[in-house]
C-alpha atoms as a PDB file:
ATOM      1  CA  MET A   1     118.945  95.176 105.737  1.00  0.00           C
ATOM      2  CA  ASN A   2     116.666  98.011 105.356  1.00  0.00           C
ATOM      3  CA  PHE A   3     113.188  98.310 106.829  1.00  0.00           C
ATOM      4  CA  THR A   4     111.469  97.884 103.334  1.00  0.00           C
ATOM      5  CA  LYS A   5     113.506  94.441 102.434  1.00  0.00           C
ATOM      6  CA  LEU A   6     112.577  93.061 106.144  1.00  0.00           C
ATOM      7  CA  LYS A   7     108.812  93.946 105.530  1.00  0.00           C
ATOM      8  CA  GLU A   8     108.866  92.343 101.876  1.00  0.00           C
ATOM      9  CA  LYS A   9     110.498  89.135 103.575  1.00  0.00           C
ATOM     10  CA  LYS A  10     107.896  88.897 106.295  1.00  0.00           C
ATOM     11  CA  ILE A  11     105.118  89.387 103.839  1.00  0.00           C
ATOM     12  CA  ARG A  12     106.509  86.482 101.463  1.00  0.00           C
ATOM     13  CA  LYS A  13     106.252  84.709 104.615  1.00  0.00           C
ATOM     14  CA  THR A  14     102.960  85.501 105.159  1.00  0.00           C
ATOM     15  CA  ILE A  15     101.792  84.862 101.711  1.00  0.00           C
ATOM     16  CA  SER A  16     103.503  81.131 102.025  1.00  0.00           C
ATOM     17  CA  LYS A  17     101.458  80.566 105.160  1.00  0.00           C
ATOM     18  CA  LEU A  18      98.091  82.088 103.734  1.00  0.00           C
ATOM     19  CA  SER A  19      98.418  80.050 100.734  1.00  0.00           C
ATOM     20  CA  LYS A  20      98.964  76.554 102.546  1.00  0.00           C
ATOM     21  CA  LYS A  21      95.980  77.594 104.667  1.00  0.00           C
ATOM     22  CA  ASN A  22      93.813  78.281 101.606  1.00  0.00           C
ATOM     23  CA  GLU A  23      94.876  75.178  99.892  1.00  0.00           C
ATOM     24  CA  GLU A  24      93.662  73.132 102.704  1.00  0.00           C
ATOM     25  CA  ASN A  25      90.475  75.114 103.481  1.00  0.00           C
ATOM     26  CA  ARG A  26      89.487  76.237  99.898  1.00  0.00           C
ATOM     27  CA  VAL A  27      85.575  75.502  98.922  1.00  0.00           C
ATOM     28  CA  VAL A  28      84.692  76.567  95.385  1.00  0.00           C
ATOM     29  CA  SER A  29      81.147  78.123  95.593  1.00  0.00           C
ATOM     30  CA  GLN A  30      78.597  77.008  93.014  1.00  0.00           C
ATOM     31  CA  ASP A  31      76.750  80.221  93.003  1.00  0.00           C
ATOM     32  CA  LYS A  32      76.141  82.127  89.608  1.00  0.00           C
ATOM     33  CA  ILE A  33      78.234  85.434  89.226  1.00  0.00           C
ATOM     34  CA  LYS A  34      76.558  88.619  90.227  1.00  0.00           C
ATOM     35  CA  SER A  35      79.564  90.653  91.595  1.00  0.00           C
ATOM     36  CA  ILE A  36      82.939  90.801  90.432  1.00  0.00           C
ATOM     37  CA  GLY A  37      86.070  92.387  91.792  1.00  0.00           C
ATOM     38  CA  ILE A  38      89.104  93.179  89.791  1.00  0.00           C
ATOM     39  CA  LEU A  39      92.670  93.806  91.206  1.00  0.00           C
ATOM     40  CA  THR A  40      95.442  94.888  88.951  1.00  0.00           C
ATOM     41  CA  THR A  41      98.205  97.362  88.436  1.00  0.00           C
ATOM     42  CA  ASP A  42      98.040 101.048  88.023  1.00  0.00           C
ATOM     43  CA  LYS A  43      99.892 100.566  84.545  1.00  0.00           C
ATOM     44  CA  VAL A  44      97.076  98.138  83.208  1.00  0.00           C
ATOM     45  CA  SER A  45      94.297  99.781  84.762  1.00  0.00           C
ATOM     46  CA  SER A  46      95.208 103.148  82.737  1.00  0.00           C
ATOM     47  CA  GLN A  47      95.976 101.276  79.438  1.00  0.00           C
ATOM     48  CA  LEU A  48      92.863  98.914  79.099  1.00  0.00           C
ATOM     49  CA  GLU A  49      89.461  99.546  79.633  1.00  0.00           C
ATOM     50  CA  LEU A  50      89.163  96.711  81.825  1.00  0.00           C
ATOM     51  CA  GLN A  51      86.399  96.981  83.938  1.00  0.00           C
ATOM     52  CA  SER A  52      83.963  97.780  80.786  1.00  0.00           C
ATOM     53  CA  GLU A  53      85.615  94.797  78.730  1.00  0.00           C
ATOM     54  CA  ILE A  54      84.507  92.464  81.649  1.00  0.00           C
ATOM     55  CA  GLU A  55      81.185  93.968  82.156  1.00  0.00           C
ATOM     56  CA  SER A  56      80.066  93.685  78.645  1.00  0.00           C
ATOM     57  CA  THR A  57      81.438  90.269  77.979  1.00  0.00           C
ATOM     58  CA  LEU A  58      80.218  88.655  81.059  1.00  0.00           C
ATOM     59  CA  GLY A  59      76.932  90.910  81.355  1.00  0.00           C
ATOM     60  CA  VAL A  60      77.542  91.877  84.989  1.00  0.00           C
ATOM     61  CA  ARG A  61      76.977  95.569  86.087  1.00  0.00           C
ATOM     62  CA  ASN A  62      78.258  95.491  89.677  1.00  0.00           C
ATOM     63  CA  THR A  63      82.008  95.637  89.037  1.00  0.00           C
ATOM     64  CA  LYS A  64      84.692  97.203  91.419  1.00  0.00           C
ATOM     65  CA  ILE A  65      88.109  97.903  90.635  1.00  0.00           C
ATOM     66  CA  TYR A  66      91.388  98.477  92.800  1.00  0.00           C
ATOM     67  CA  SER A  67      94.622  99.072  91.269  1.00  0.00           C
ATOM     68  CA  PHE A  68      98.164  98.721  93.032  1.00  0.00           C
ATOM     69  CA  ARG A  69     100.695 101.923  92.374  1.00  0.00           C
ATOM     70  CA  ARG A  70     103.878 102.724  93.591  1.00  0.00           C
ATOM     71  CA  PHE A  71     103.625 105.433  96.613  1.00  0.00           C
ATOM     72  CA  ASN A  72     104.518 108.665  95.578  1.00  0.00           C
ATOM     73  CA  LYS A  73     104.370 111.631  97.874  1.00  0.00           C
ATOM     74  CA  THR A  74     103.290 114.191  95.286  1.00  0.00           C
ATOM     75  CA  GLU A  75     100.424 111.987  93.982  1.00  0.00           C
ATOM     76  CA  GLU A  76      97.149 112.384  95.559  1.00  0.00           C
ATOM     77  CA  ILE A  77      95.373 109.937  97.614  1.00  0.00           C
ATOM     78  CA  SER A  78      92.720 107.937  95.624  1.00  0.00           C
ATOM     79  CA  TYR A  79      90.310 105.479  96.770  1.00  0.00           C
ATOM     80  CA  ARG A  80      90.580 103.299  93.515  1.00  0.00           C
ATOM     81  CA  HIS A  81      94.472 102.738  94.292  1.00  0.00           C
ATOM     82  CA  PHE A  82      96.486 101.155  97.133  1.00  0.00           C
ATOM     83  CA  SER A  83     100.287 101.181  97.476  1.00  0.00           C
ATOM     84  CA  GLU A  84     102.862  99.531  99.621  1.00  0.00           C
ATOM     85  CA  LYS A  85     102.435 101.981 102.432  1.00  0.00           C
ATOM     86  CA  ASP A  86      99.180 100.562 102.991  1.00  0.00           C
ATOM     87  CA  VAL A  87     100.286  97.512 104.216  1.00  0.00           C
ATOM     88  CA  ASN A  88     102.193  96.948 107.422  1.00  0.00           C
ATOM     89  CA  TRP A  89     105.089  94.714 108.177  1.00  0.00           C
ATOM     90  CA  LYS A  90     102.625  91.660 109.407  1.00  0.00           C
ATOM     91  CA  GLY A  91     100.946  91.844 105.859  1.00  0.00           C
ATOM     92  CA  GLU A  92      97.832  93.442 107.012  1.00  0.00           C
ATOM     93  CA  PHE A  93      96.384  96.133 104.991  1.00  0.00           C
ATOM     94  CA  HIS A  94      95.346  99.372 106.944  1.00  0.00           C
ATOM     95  CA  GLN A  95      93.585 101.644 104.293  1.00  0.00           C
ATOM     96  CA  GLN A  96      90.087 101.221 105.418  1.00  0.00           C
ATOM     97  CA  ASN A  97      88.394 101.652 101.763  1.00  0.00           C
ATOM     98  CA  PHE A  98      90.780  98.804 100.376  1.00  0.00           C
ATOM     99  CA  LYS A  99      90.195  96.737 103.344  1.00  0.00           C
ATOM    100  CA  SER A 100      86.236  96.932 102.986  1.00  0.00           C
ATOM    101  CA  PHE A 101      87.188  95.918  98.915  1.00  0.00           C
ATOM    102  CA  LEU A 102      88.917  92.722 100.363  1.00  0.00           C
ATOM    103  CA  GLU A 103      85.931  91.910 102.761  1.00  0.00           C
ATOM    104  CA  GLN A 104      83.614  92.076 100.368  1.00  0.00           C
ATOM    105  CA  PRO A 105      82.093  88.620  99.298  1.00  0.00           C
ATOM    106  CA  PHE A 106      82.621  88.881  95.432  1.00  0.00           C
ATOM    107  CA  ASP A 107      81.182  85.866  93.355  1.00  0.00           C
ATOM    108  CA  LEU A 108      84.113  86.475  91.268  1.00  0.00           C
ATOM    109  CA  LEU A 109      87.883  88.003  91.900  1.00  0.00           C
ATOM    110  CA  ILE A 110      89.943  88.813  88.691  1.00  0.00           C
ATOM    111  CA  ALA A 111      93.597  89.304  89.719  1.00  0.00           C
ATOM    112  CA  TYR A 112      94.575  91.000  86.497  1.00  0.00           C
ATOM    113  CA  PHE A 113      98.529  90.591  86.705  1.00  0.00           C
ATOM    114  CA  ASP A 114     101.067  88.545  85.107  1.00  0.00           C
ATOM    115  CA  ASP A 115     104.204  88.850  87.024  1.00  0.00           C
ATOM    116  CA  LYS A 116     104.611  88.078  90.448  1.00  0.00           C
ATOM    117  CA  HIS A 117     103.808  91.035  92.477  1.00  0.00           C
ATOM    118  CA  LEU A 118     104.101  90.718  96.316  1.00  0.00           C
ATOM    119  CA  TYR A 119     101.294  92.972  97.235  1.00  0.00           C
ATOM    120  CA  LEU A 120      99.101  91.954  94.702  1.00  0.00           C
ATOM    121  CA  GLU A 121      99.304  88.313  95.650  1.00  0.00           C
ATOM    122  CA  LEU A 122      98.618  89.202  99.274  1.00  0.00           C
ATOM    123  CA  ALA A 123      95.360  91.218  98.255  1.00  0.00           C
ATOM    124  CA  THR A 124      94.514  88.101  96.431  1.00  0.00           C
ATOM    125  CA  LEU A 125      94.903  85.782  99.011  1.00  0.00           C
ATOM    126  CA  GLN A 126      93.115  87.925 101.967  1.00  0.00           C
ATOM    127  CA  SER A 127      90.136  88.523  99.526  1.00  0.00           C
ATOM    128  CA  ARG A 128      86.808  86.948 100.437  1.00  0.00           C
ATOM    129  CA  ALA A 129      85.840  86.173  97.020  1.00  0.00           C
ATOM    130  CA  SER A 130      84.344  82.939  96.460  1.00  0.00           C
ATOM    131  CA  PHE A 131      85.886  82.280  93.145  1.00  0.00           C
ATOM    132  CA  LYS A 132      89.325  83.673  91.954  1.00  0.00           C
ATOM    133  CA  VAL A 133      90.887  83.552  88.327  1.00  0.00           C
ATOM    134  CA  GLY A 134      94.228  84.958  87.504  1.00  0.00           C
ATOM    135  CA  PHE A 135      97.451  84.474  85.104  1.00  0.00           C
ATOM    136  CA  SER A 136      99.379  81.228  85.611  1.00  0.00           C
ATOM    137  CA  GLN A 137     102.551  83.014  85.585  1.00  0.00           C
ATOM    138  CA  VAL A 138     101.766  84.461  88.916  1.00  0.00           C
ATOM    139  CA  ASN A 139     101.170  81.838  91.498  1.00  0.00           C
ATOM    140  CA  TYR A 140      98.742  78.792  90.759  1.00  0.00           C
ATOM    141  CA  LYS A 141      98.182  78.439  94.106  1.00  0.00           C
ATOM    142  CA  LEU A 142      95.975  81.773  94.252  1.00  0.00           C
ATOM    143  CA  PHE A 143      93.215  80.791  91.766  1.00  0.00           C
ATOM    144  CA  ASP A 144      90.498  78.381  90.915  1.00  0.00           C
ATOM    145  CA  ILE A 145      91.197  79.088  87.187  1.00  0.00           C
ATOM    146  CA  ASP A 146      94.399  80.422  85.866  1.00  0.00           C
ATOM    147  CA  PHE A 147      95.021  81.487  82.354  1.00  0.00           C
ATOM    148  CA  SER A 148      98.088  81.378  80.238  1.00  0.00           C
ATOM    149  CA  LEU A 149      97.810  84.569  78.080  1.00  0.00           C
ATOM    150  CA  GLU A 150      99.238  88.061  78.005  1.00  0.00           C
ATOM    151  CA  THR A 151      97.594  90.665  79.793  1.00  0.00           C
ATOM    152  CA  ILE A 152      97.408  93.163  76.941  1.00  0.00           C
ATOM    153  CA  ASP A 153      94.829  90.988  75.021  1.00  0.00           C
ATOM    154  CA  ILE A 154      91.916  91.817  77.131  1.00  0.00           C
ATOM    155  CA  GLN A 155      89.163  90.346  74.432  1.00  0.00           C
ATOM    156  CA  GLN A 156      90.966  87.156  74.540  1.00  0.00           C
ATOM    157  CA  PHE A 157      91.207  86.739  78.197  1.00  0.00           C
ATOM    158  CA  SER A 158      87.299  88.016  78.585  1.00  0.00           C
ATOM    159  CA  SER A 159      86.078  85.300  76.031  1.00  0.00           C
ATOM    160  CA  GLU A 160      88.098  82.632  77.592  1.00  0.00           C
ATOM    161  CA  LEU A 161      86.892  83.518  81.038  1.00  0.00           C
ATOM    162  CA  LYS A 162      83.236  83.543  79.877  1.00  0.00           C
ATOM    163  CA  LYS A 163      83.879  80.091  78.187  1.00  0.00           C
ATOM    164  CA  TYR A 164      85.045  78.706  81.171  1.00  0.00           C
ATOM    165  CA  LEU A 165      82.472  80.162  83.611  1.00  0.00           C
ATOM    166  CA  SER A 166      79.877  78.956  81.152  1.00  0.00           C
ATOM    167  CA  ILE A 167      81.321  75.279  81.150  1.00  0.00           C
ATOM    168  CA  LEU A 168      81.142  75.682  85.249  1.00  0.00           C
ATOM    169  CA  ASN A 169      77.359  76.845  85.105  1.00  0.00           C
ATOM    170  CA  LYS A 170      78.297  80.167  86.684  1.00  0.00           C
ATOM    171  CA  LEU A 171      76.865  82.593  84.456  1.00  0.00           C
END
């Protein structure tokens, strides 16, 4: 078994432990949404104007986005991306900018990915956001609200999100 497979197995165990702990200790905030964090893949963030669509639909200005992209030696290091190399075998992120993103107490975290993704799930669990939304195809234990939609349809996602947040008096 190579190091990468061992690391991924250890991270899966960490996700399992964190999701059980999260389920037991989860307290949903009743605060209005003022700050939003978005976690997604590089593919989605390059194809869609995700950040501007969310800001315009929800009427919030201070949205921050971070994307996962596979590690490639030839690509430049970006402060808007993280990779599998930014996680150690214990499931701890060591890129300082991404750690500060996860430690920021967002009022809403949008996990905008619809496939099971080890590193994005780990980041979602470790985020200190008070309210988390995402897609039901991933892992229902991660989110307070999950949607069964396609990621390609950002307008439908943002309108559904606005509808549910309005019902919950978060907007």
